[in-house]
Amino acid sequence: MTNKYNNWRDQASVALLQRLFEERGIEGRILGMLTPREVLEGSGWLTNSKIDLWNRTVGSNGDKWFWPENDCYDAVMLRLPRSKKELEMCSHIALSSLRPGCPLWVYGSNDEGIKSSESVLSPLSKSVSTVSYGSKCRIVQAKASGKLAYKGELSDWKYLTKIRFPGFVRDWVSYPGVFAAGRVDPGTEVLIKSLPSIPENSMVLDFACGTGLVGGVVDLQVKSGCVEFLDVDLIALEAVQQNIPEARVIPSDGFSKLGDKRYDMIVSNPPYHRGKAWSEGFVKGMIAGASAHLNQNGTLIFVVQRRLQIEGLISTYFRKMKVLSDQDSYRVWSAEL
């Protein structure tokens, strides 16, 4: 289920960025934010340069996740995030980590909206401009100012949303870039309302958990059991731990870190995108991989968009299947070993 980041947008924009670094003769400490290690290794860049990588997702190489220090980098390269709010957060973090006058370079493809990043960066820097473009990509530059107060800590970006379900009313923590941050998305709502009664002593995994809302609702039913939370996004898991302080979180890209662990139930609202592109790969990988982590008669319950034709795949790995809800554009499936 690991994404090898071998799409043209990553490769073309990093090649453009590498040429700019060579032209400018940048030396010293460099920070790469949301920059895929695989792409840098493929370009040969990491063998010649000292680059600290900050990726909010779990990597396959065991990189230690860290928070960048303030005022210590000579350049930061930021892969354009999907959402405007995440771009704003990452730009503040990047600019706070730079020495005054040093450049932040936000890079990505034209069809991802890289040009619009200028409007996000303009309030944060007196100097914002496109400094390189080509191959349907561009690089937007902003220089750090020693006179502006940047919001460079994760706690600066925490926000609360009032969540209301029967028996479950409380404030819920989220951060920019976490799926459906600040709201209950329709798929999650349909899934939660479709959940069957769960035995109290069950072992349950909230797979691709986001901020942990589905698992949090399940946890109310399995008070003598255990609910665990798995996600590739480390910031999402930080939100889980604030929402459910006793939660056991598992940083993992798919099932890769679970070993031979098994559960009585896996619940999930799986993602459909890696970067810009729509992909069914994660959903299909989840269905194929779940059986190896369920006990006998264990159940996978998940919500997907109705247009996904997955009955055949489910029947390949599971003995029984049924639809728990068929509402609007969403369908909730239950698949039993």
Protein backbone atom coordinates (compact mmCIF):
# COMPACT_ATOMS: atom_id res chain seq x y z
CA MET A 1 0.00 0.00 0.00
CA THR A 2 3.05 2.23 0.04
CA ASN A 3 3.08 5.01 -2.51
CA LYS A 4 6.41 5.14 -4.35
CA TYR A 5 5.86 8.78 -5.32
CA ASN A 6 6.77 7.99 -8.92
CA ASN A 7 4.34 10.41 -10.53
CA TRP A 8 5.45 13.07 -12.96
CA ARG A 9 4.48 16.00 -10.72
CA ASP A 10 6.97 15.04 -8.02
CA GLN A 11 9.74 14.22 -10.46
CA ALA A 12 9.33 17.28 -12.67
CA SER A 13 8.97 19.80 -9.85
CA VAL A 14 11.95 18.39 -7.90
CA ALA A 15 14.10 18.52 -11.05
CA LEU A 16 13.13 22.19 -11.44
CA LEU A 17 13.95 22.82 -7.80
CA GLN A 18 17.32 21.09 -8.03
CA ARG A 19 18.36 23.27 -10.97
CA LEU A 20 17.40 26.38 -8.99
CA PHE A 21 19.53 25.27 -6.02
CA GLU A 22 22.50 24.73 -8.34
CA GLU A 23 22.02 28.12 -10.01
CA ARG A 24 21.79 29.95 -6.69
CA GLY A 25 24.69 28.03 -5.13
CA ILE A 26 22.77 27.39 -1.93
CA GLU A 27 24.93 25.98 0.86
CA GLY A 28 24.43 25.37 4.56
CA ARG A 29 21.44 23.74 6.21
CA ILE A 30 18.48 22.85 4.01
CA LEU A 31 15.06 21.70 5.15
CA GLY A 32 12.75 19.69 2.93
CA MET A 33 9.10 19.77 4.02
CA LEU A 34 6.58 17.23 2.67
CA THR A 35 9.34 16.29 0.24
CA PRO A 36 9.34 12.58 -0.68
CA ARG A 37 12.68 10.96 0.16
CA GLU A 38 12.20 8.54 -2.72
CA VAL A 39 12.18 11.37 -5.26
CA LEU A 40 15.32 12.98 -3.80
CA GLU A 41 17.12 9.65 -3.80
CA GLY A 42 16.03 9.02 -7.38
CA SER A 43 17.47 12.36 -8.46
CA GLY A 44 20.78 11.68 -6.70
CA TRP A 45 20.30 14.84 -4.67
CA LEU A 46 20.62 13.26 -1.22
CA THR A 47 24.04 11.82 -2.04
CA ASN A 48 25.44 15.30 -2.66
CA SER A 49 23.56 17.50 -0.20
CA LYS A 50 22.74 17.65 3.48
CA ILE A 51 18.97 17.93 3.65
CA ASP A 52 16.86 17.48 6.77
CA LEU A 53 13.47 16.03 5.86
CA TRP A 54 10.25 16.85 7.70
CA ASN A 55 7.41 14.65 6.54
CA ARG A 56 4.21 14.38 8.53
CA THR A 57 3.68 10.83 7.28
CA VAL A 58 5.36 7.58 8.30
CA GLY A 59 8.24 6.69 5.98
CA SER A 60 9.61 3.29 5.03
CA ASN A 61 13.16 4.31 5.94
CA GLY A 62 12.72 4.90 9.66
CA ASP A 63 13.46 8.63 9.58
CA LYS A 64 13.01 10.20 12.99
CA TRP A 65 10.16 12.71 13.02
CA PHE A 66 11.28 16.04 14.43
CA TRP A 67 10.06 19.58 14.72
CA PRO A 68 12.30 22.11 12.92
CA GLU A 69 14.28 24.52 15.08
CA ASN A 70 13.73 28.25 14.75
CA ASP A 71 16.13 30.48 12.78
CA CYS A 72 18.55 27.75 11.78
CA TYR A 73 18.06 26.92 8.06
CA ASP A 74 19.51 28.62 4.98
CA ALA A 75 16.75 27.40 2.65
CA VAL A 76 13.49 25.48 2.92
CA MET A 77 11.78 23.62 0.09
CA LEU A 78 8.10 22.86 0.64
CA ARG A 79 6.10 20.48 -1.54
CA LEU A 80 2.74 22.14 -2.17
CA PRO A 81 0.14 20.65 0.22
CA ARG A 82 -3.35 19.77 -0.95
CA SER A 83 -5.25 22.27 1.18
CA LYS A 84 -4.85 26.03 1.56
CA LYS A 85 -4.96 25.77 5.35
CA GLU A 86 -2.19 23.18 5.42
CA LEU A 87 -0.11 25.37 3.12
CA GLU A 88 -0.58 28.27 5.52
CA MET A 89 0.50 26.14 8.49
CA CYS A 90 3.53 24.68 6.72
CA SER A 91 4.58 28.12 5.44
CA HIS A 92 4.56 29.53 8.97
CA ILE A 93 6.63 26.57 10.22
CA ALA A 94 9.06 26.91 7.30
CA LEU A 95 9.54 30.67 7.64
CA SER A 96 10.03 30.43 11.39
CA SER A 97 12.80 27.88 10.82
CA LEU A 98 14.69 30.11 8.37
CA ARG A 99 17.33 32.68 9.13
CA PRO A 100 16.08 36.20 8.20
CA GLY A 101 16.38 36.87 4.49
CA CYS A 102 16.69 33.20 3.52
CA PRO A 103 14.30 31.69 0.96
CA LEU A 104 11.31 29.42 1.26
CA TRP A 105 10.62 27.71 -2.05
CA VAL A 106 7.15 26.23 -2.49
CA TYR A 107 7.06 23.90 -5.47
CA GLY A 108 4.46 21.87 -7.35
CA SER A 109 2.60 21.57 -10.64
CA ASN A 110 0.34 24.11 -12.29
CA ASP A 111 -2.71 21.83 -12.14
CA GLU A 112 -2.25 21.48 -8.37
CA GLY A 113 -2.65 25.24 -7.99
CA ILE A 114 0.96 26.21 -7.28
CA LYS A 115 0.40 29.71 -8.66
CA SER A 116 -2.28 30.40 -6.03
CA SER A 117 0.26 29.80 -3.25
CA GLU A 118 1.40 33.40 -3.78
CA SER A 119 -1.79 34.68 -2.11
CA VAL A 120 -1.08 32.54 0.98
CA LEU A 121 2.56 33.61 1.17
CA SER A 122 2.05 37.33 0.56
CA PRO A 123 0.92 38.19 4.13
CA LEU A 124 3.98 36.33 5.47
CA SER A 125 6.74 37.93 3.41
CA LYS A 126 7.49 41.26 1.74
CA SER A 127 9.05 39.43 -1.19
CA VAL A 128 6.93 36.78 -2.95
CA SER A 129 7.43 35.81 -6.59
CA THR A 130 7.71 32.95 -9.06
CA VAL A 131 11.42 32.25 -9.48
CA SER A 132 11.37 29.27 -11.85
CA TYR A 133 8.90 27.44 -14.06
CA GLY A 134 8.87 24.72 -16.69
CA SER A 135 7.54 21.22 -17.39
CA LYS A 136 4.09 22.37 -16.19
CA CYS A 137 5.53 23.16 -12.76
CA ARG A 138 6.75 26.23 -10.94
CA ILE A 139 8.55 27.40 -7.81
CA VAL A 140 7.22 30.30 -5.72
CA GLN A 141 9.68 32.06 -3.41
CA ALA A 142 9.09 33.89 -0.13
CA LYS A 143 11.87 35.28 2.05
CA ALA A 144 11.79 35.05 5.82
CA SER A 145 11.43 38.27 7.76
CA GLY A 146 12.98 38.87 11.14
CA LYS A 147 10.21 41.35 11.94
CA LEU A 148 7.17 39.07 11.62
CA ALA A 149 5.92 36.69 14.31
CA TYR A 150 5.36 33.34 12.65
CA LYS A 151 3.22 30.60 14.14
CA GLY A 152 5.86 27.92 14.14
CA GLU A 153 4.55 25.42 16.72
CA LEU A 154 1.98 22.70 16.12
CA SER A 155 -0.02 23.95 19.10
CA ASP A 156 -0.55 27.23 17.21
CA TRP A 157 -2.70 25.31 14.70
CA LYS A 158 -4.88 23.25 17.02
CA TYR A 159 -8.59 23.92 16.73
CA LEU A 160 -11.72 22.45 18.25
CA THR A 161 -15.02 21.40 16.69
CA LYS A 162 -18.19 20.49 18.58
CA ILE A 163 -19.08 16.90 17.63
CA ARG A 164 -22.61 15.61 18.26
CA PHE A 165 -23.73 11.98 18.04
CA PRO A 166 -26.17 10.11 20.32
CA GLY A 167 -24.26 9.56 23.55
CA PHE A 168 -21.25 11.42 22.18
CA VAL A 169 -21.13 15.22 22.48
CA ARG A 170 -17.79 16.92 22.98
CA ASP A 171 -15.11 19.17 21.54
CA TRP A 172 -12.83 17.41 19.08
CA VAL A 173 -9.22 18.35 18.25
CA SER A 174 -7.94 18.60 14.70
CA TYR A 175 -5.14 20.21 12.68
CA PRO A 176 -4.77 21.47 9.10
CA GLY A 177 -4.13 18.73 6.57
CA VAL A 178 -5.99 16.04 8.48
CA PHE A 179 -8.87 14.67 6.41
CA ALA A 180 -12.15 16.48 7.04
CA ALA A 181 -10.49 18.70 9.65
CA GLY A 182 -13.02 20.80 11.54
CA ARG A 183 -16.11 18.83 10.51
CA VAL A 184 -17.67 15.40 10.35
CA ASP A 185 -17.49 14.39 6.70
CA PRO A 186 -20.57 12.62 5.25
CA GLY A 187 -18.80 9.26 4.86
CA THR A 188 -17.73 9.18 8.51
CA GLU A 189 -21.23 10.17 9.64
CA VAL A 190 -22.85 7.39 7.61
CA LEU A 191 -20.31 4.87 8.90
CA ILE A 192 -20.81 5.80 12.56
CA LYS A 193 -24.60 5.66 12.27
CA SER A 194 -24.36 2.22 10.60
CA LEU A 195 -22.10 0.56 13.16
CA PRO A 196 -23.65 -2.59 14.64
CA SER A 197 -23.61 -3.44 18.33
CA ILE A 198 -20.06 -4.38 19.28
CA PRO A 199 -19.31 -6.84 22.12
CA GLU A 200 -17.70 -5.12 25.09
CA ASN A 201 -14.54 -7.25 25.11
CA SER A 202 -13.74 -6.77 21.42
CA MET A 203 -10.35 -5.84 20.03
CA VAL A 204 -10.99 -3.15 17.39
CA LEU A 205 -8.71 -1.27 14.99
CA ASP A 206 -9.66 2.14 13.57
CA PHE A 207 -7.74 1.88 10.30
CA ALA A 208 -6.75 5.16 8.57
CA CYS A 209 -8.22 6.76 11.68
CA GLY A 210 -7.62 10.46 11.04
CA THR A 211 -8.42 12.26 14.30
CA GLY A 212 -9.92 9.06 15.72
CA LEU A 213 -13.61 9.93 15.60
CA VAL A 214 -14.89 6.51 14.44
CA GLY A 215 -12.71 4.68 16.97
CA GLY A 216 -13.75 7.15 19.65
CA VAL A 217 -17.41 6.26 19.15
CA VAL A 218 -16.56 2.54 19.10
CA ASP A 219 -14.61 2.97 22.34
CA LEU A 220 -17.84 3.88 24.12
CA GLN A 221 -19.17 0.38 23.38
CA VAL A 222 -16.08 -1.73 24.13
CA LYS A 223 -15.20 -0.43 27.57
CA SER A 224 -13.70 -3.77 28.65
CA GLY A 225 -12.07 -4.32 25.26
CA CYS A 226 -9.53 -2.26 23.36
CA VAL A 227 -9.59 0.14 20.43
CA GLU A 228 -6.36 0.97 18.62
CA PHE A 229 -5.79 3.75 16.09
CA LEU A 230 -3.67 3.44 12.95
CA ASP A 231 -2.76 6.15 10.45
CA VAL A 232 0.13 7.19 8.23
CA ASP A 233 -0.25 10.85 9.29
CA LEU A 234 1.70 11.64 12.45
CA ILE A 235 -0.17 14.90 13.04
CA ALA A 236 -3.48 13.04 12.84
CA LEU A 237 -2.20 10.65 15.51
CA GLU A 238 -1.20 13.61 17.68
CA ALA A 239 -4.84 14.73 17.45
CA VAL A 240 -5.99 11.22 18.41
CA GLN A 241 -3.87 11.31 21.55
CA GLN A 242 -5.36 14.65 22.54
CA ASN A 243 -8.90 13.48 21.82
CA ILE A 244 -8.46 10.11 23.54
CA PRO A 245 -5.50 10.41 25.95
CA GLU A 246 -5.42 6.67 26.75
CA ALA A 247 -5.48 5.66 23.07
CA ARG A 248 -2.83 3.35 21.64
CA VAL A 249 -1.76 4.81 18.31
CA ILE A 250 0.09 2.94 15.57
CA PRO A 251 2.04 5.01 13.01
CA SER A 252 1.91 2.88 9.86
CA ASP A 253 1.50 3.08 6.10
CA GLY A 254 -1.26 0.55 5.69
CA PHE A 255 -0.82 -2.69 7.62
CA SER A 256 2.97 -2.65 7.34
CA LYS A 257 3.72 -2.09 11.05
CA LEU A 258 1.16 -4.52 12.50
CA GLY A 259 3.21 -7.70 12.20
CA ASP A 260 0.97 -10.68 13.03
CA LYS A 261 -1.44 -8.72 15.22
CA ARG A 262 -5.14 -9.55 14.81
CA TYR A 263 -8.43 -7.91 15.77
CA ASP A 264 -12.07 -8.87 16.14
CA MET A 265 -13.11 -5.89 14.04
CA ILE A 266 -11.49 -3.33 11.76
CA VAL A 267 -13.43 -0.13 11.02
CA SER A 268 -12.41 2.41 8.41
CA ASN A 269 -13.28 5.41 6.28
CA PRO A 270 -10.34 4.95 3.88
CA PRO A 271 -8.86 7.73 1.71
CA TYR A 272 -9.13 7.91 -2.07
CA HIS A 273 -6.29 10.29 -2.92
CA ARG A 274 -2.52 10.29 -2.88
CA GLY A 275 -1.61 13.84 -3.78
CA LYS A 276 -3.82 15.18 -6.58
CA ALA A 277 -4.67 11.89 -8.21
CA TRP A 278 -7.81 9.86 -7.44
CA SER A 279 -6.84 6.29 -6.57
CA GLU A 280 -8.73 3.19 -5.49
CA GLY A 281 -5.46 1.50 -4.55
CA PHE A 282 -5.65 2.21 -0.82
CA VAL A 283 -9.21 0.89 -0.51
CA LYS A 284 -8.38 -2.27 -2.46
CA GLY A 285 -5.19 -2.78 -0.47
CA MET A 286 -7.15 -2.46 2.76
CA ILE A 287 -9.66 -5.12 1.67
CA ALA A 288 -6.90 -7.48 0.54
CA GLY A 289 -4.77 -6.96 3.64
CA ALA A 290 -7.44 -6.92 6.36
CA SER A 291 -8.02 -10.67 6.42
CA ALA A 292 -4.46 -11.23 7.68
CA HIS A 293 -5.24 -9.05 10.72
CA LEU A 294 -8.68 -10.35 11.69
CA ASN A 295 -9.48 -13.20 14.05
CA GLN A 296 -11.68 -16.06 12.88
CA ASN A 297 -15.18 -14.65 12.24
CA GLY A 298 -13.67 -11.17 12.45
CA THR A 299 -15.33 -8.34 10.56
CA LEU A 300 -14.16 -5.47 8.37
CA ILE A 301 -16.64 -2.57 8.34
CA PHE A 302 -15.90 0.34 6.04
CA VAL A 303 -17.52 3.10 4.04
CA VAL A 304 -16.75 3.88 0.40
CA GLN A 305 -18.31 5.84 -2.39
CA ARG A 306 -21.06 3.87 -4.14
CA ARG A 307 -19.35 4.09 -7.52
CA LEU A 308 -16.57 1.74 -6.37
CA GLN A 309 -17.23 -1.73 -7.74
CA ILE A 310 -15.64 -3.91 -5.04
CA GLU A 311 -18.06 -6.82 -4.49
CA GLY A 312 -15.80 -9.23 -6.39
CA LEU A 313 -12.74 -8.19 -4.41
CA ILE A 314 -14.54 -8.56 -1.08
CA SER A 315 -15.75 -12.06 -2.00
CA THR A 316 -12.18 -13.06 -2.80
CA TYR A 317 -11.02 -12.51 0.78
CA PHE A 318 -14.18 -12.80 2.91
CA ARG A 319 -16.77 -15.53 3.49
CA LYS A 320 -19.74 -13.21 4.01
CA MET A 321 -20.55 -9.66 3.03
CA LYS A 322 -23.51 -7.34 3.31
CA VAL A 323 -24.40 -3.69 2.87
CA LEU A 324 -25.17 -1.95 6.19
CA SER A 325 -26.14 1.36 4.61
CA ASP A 326 -26.72 2.67 1.10
CA GLN A 327 -27.22 6.40 1.55
CA ASP A 328 -26.65 9.23 -0.92
CA SER A 329 -23.25 8.60 -2.53
CA TYR A 330 -21.95 6.33 0.26
CA ARG A 331 -22.17 2.62 0.95
CA VAL A 332 -21.16 0.92 4.20
CA TRP A 333 -19.93 -2.65 3.81
CA SER A 334 -19.56 -5.39 6.39
CA ALA A 335 -17.25 -8.27 5.41
CA GLU A 336 -16.82 -11.31 7.68
CA LEU A 337 -14.11 -13.97 7.56
